[in-house]
Amino acid sequence: MLLSYANATPRGLEFLDFLDDERTYKTLFVPVNEGFVDNMTLSGPDLELHASNTTLLSTNASQGALLPAHSGLSLVVSDLGPGNSSRAPEVPGAVVVSRVITWDILAFNGIIHTPASPLAVS
């Protein structure tokens, strides 16, 4: 999906360059494989929701932190987990990141979190 997006549009190529830049610290949301349904395809803007040029650790996420996504939209990071019935704060135009399986996987140029499913603009 990512390479198709990069080959199809200048914005997609710019996004790939952003991800490839080793000097830019970033936060990536990389969904677990089980979160993808058969033949699931994400749009370019959906792909860009999975990256931010801001580094966010789980200790900040429990506060309902806002994180700018590469797409220009905001992500509301929630610490909702299985059995937690509380709701994420509602922020107009923002995408909620919830059900994160693994937090704070350290990478040389940032941090990775693994949500249970891909993020998408609704």
Protein backbone atom coordinates (compact mmCIF):
# COMPACT_ATOMS: atom_id res chain seq x y z
CA MET A 1 0.00 0.00 0.00
CA LEU A 2 2.73 2.44 0.97
CA LEU A 3 4.77 1.92 -2.18
CA SER A 4 1.66 2.19 -4.34
CA TYR A 5 0.82 5.50 -2.66
CA ALA A 6 4.39 6.77 -3.14
CA ASN A 7 4.38 5.81 -6.83
CA ALA A 8 0.94 7.28 -7.48
CA THR A 9 1.18 10.80 -6.05
CA PRO A 10 3.76 13.46 -5.14
CA ARG A 11 2.25 13.58 -1.63
CA GLY A 12 2.75 9.82 -1.30
CA LEU A 13 6.40 10.18 -2.33
CA GLU A 14 6.87 12.99 0.21
CA PHE A 15 5.37 10.74 2.90
CA LEU A 16 7.74 7.91 2.00
CA ASP A 17 10.66 10.36 2.17
CA PHE A 18 9.49 11.47 5.63
CA LEU A 19 9.43 7.87 6.83
CA ASP A 20 12.84 7.22 5.28
CA ASP A 21 14.47 10.26 6.94
CA GLU A 22 16.73 8.88 9.66
CA ARG A 23 17.27 12.34 11.18
CA THR A 24 13.60 12.96 11.99
CA TYR A 25 12.32 11.44 15.23
CA LYS A 26 8.78 10.22 14.82
CA THR A 27 5.99 8.18 16.34
CA LEU A 28 4.63 5.34 14.23
CA PHE A 29 1.44 3.37 14.80
CA VAL A 30 1.99 -0.03 13.18
CA PRO A 31 -1.13 -2.20 13.45
CA VAL A 32 -0.83 -5.89 14.25
CA ASN A 33 -1.37 -8.19 11.27
CA GLU A 34 -4.59 -9.59 12.75
CA GLY A 35 -6.13 -6.11 12.57
CA PHE A 36 -6.28 -6.21 8.78
CA VAL A 37 -9.37 -7.83 7.30
CA ASP A 38 -9.16 -9.71 3.99
CA ASN A 39 -8.39 -7.46 1.02
CA MET A 40 -8.27 -4.37 3.23
CA THR A 41 -6.82 -1.29 1.55
CA LEU A 42 -6.00 2.01 3.24
CA SER A 43 -6.16 5.33 1.41
CA GLY A 44 -3.16 7.65 1.29
CA PRO A 45 -4.61 9.92 4.01
CA ASP A 46 -5.30 6.82 6.14
CA LEU A 47 -1.67 5.71 5.77
CA GLU A 48 -0.48 9.16 6.84
CA LEU A 49 -2.49 8.88 10.07
CA HIS A 50 -0.01 6.23 11.21
CA ALA A 51 2.94 8.64 11.50
CA SER A 52 3.74 11.81 13.42
CA ASN A 53 6.87 13.93 13.63
CA THR A 54 6.28 14.16 17.39
CA THR A 55 7.64 11.52 19.76
CA LEU A 56 4.96 10.25 22.13
CA LEU A 57 5.55 7.80 24.96
CA SER A 58 2.78 5.82 26.67
CA THR A 59 3.17 7.88 29.85
CA ASN A 60 1.75 10.86 27.93
CA ALA A 61 -0.89 8.83 26.09
CA SER A 62 -2.91 8.07 29.20
CA GLN A 63 -3.78 11.75 29.46
CA GLY A 64 -5.72 11.77 26.16
CA ALA A 65 -2.87 13.58 24.47
CA LEU A 66 -3.33 15.17 21.06
CA LEU A 67 -0.74 14.20 18.49
CA PRO A 68 -0.42 15.75 15.02
CA ALA A 69 -0.56 13.09 12.32
CA HIS A 70 1.45 13.51 9.14
CA SER A 71 -1.87 13.85 7.29
CA GLY A 72 -2.56 17.14 9.06
CA LEU A 73 -5.32 15.70 11.23
CA SER A 74 -4.96 15.24 14.97
CA LEU A 75 -4.83 11.93 16.77
CA VAL A 76 -6.41 11.62 20.21
CA VAL A 77 -4.39 8.95 21.95
CA SER A 78 -6.40 7.00 24.47
CA ASP A 79 -5.27 4.37 26.92
CA LEU A 80 -8.47 2.40 26.49
CA GLY A 81 -7.87 -1.28 26.88
CA PRO A 82 -9.91 -4.46 27.11
CA GLY A 83 -12.50 -4.19 29.85
CA ASN A 84 -12.19 -0.41 30.10
CA SER A 85 -15.58 1.15 29.44
CA SER A 86 -14.47 4.77 29.66
CA ARG A 87 -14.62 6.81 26.47
CA ALA A 88 -11.88 8.72 24.72
CA PRO A 89 -12.27 12.50 24.75
CA GLU A 90 -14.15 13.80 21.73
CA VAL A 91 -12.21 16.25 19.61
CA PRO A 92 -13.86 17.46 16.38
CA GLY A 93 -11.95 16.31 13.31
CA ALA A 94 -9.61 14.06 15.27
CA VAL A 95 -9.05 10.33 14.91
CA VAL A 96 -9.04 8.26 18.11
CA VAL A 97 -6.17 5.82 18.65
CA SER A 98 -7.34 3.12 21.04
CA ARG A 99 -6.76 -0.53 21.81
CA VAL A 100 -3.00 -0.27 21.61
CA ILE A 101 -1.57 -3.76 22.08
CA THR A 102 2.08 -2.79 22.65
CA TRP A 103 3.41 0.63 23.65
CA ASP A 104 6.88 2.13 23.43
CA ILE A 105 8.85 -0.07 21.05
CA LEU A 106 12.07 1.89 20.75
CA ALA A 107 13.52 2.53 17.31
CA PHE A 108 16.70 4.42 16.44
CA ASN A 109 14.66 7.32 15.06
CA GLY A 110 11.58 7.30 17.26
CA ILE A 111 8.95 5.16 18.90
CA ILE A 112 6.49 2.55 17.65
CA HIS A 113 3.11 1.61 19.11
CA THR A 114 1.01 -1.31 17.83
CA PRO A 115 -2.75 -0.71 17.75
CA ALA A 116 -5.16 -3.62 17.31
CA SER A 117 -6.37 -2.27 13.97
CA PRO A 118 -5.40 0.31 11.35
CA LEU A 119 -6.37 3.94 11.81
CA ALA A 120 -8.77 5.45 9.32
CA VAL A 121 -10.51 8.73 8.65
CA SER A 122 -14.19 8.12 9.33
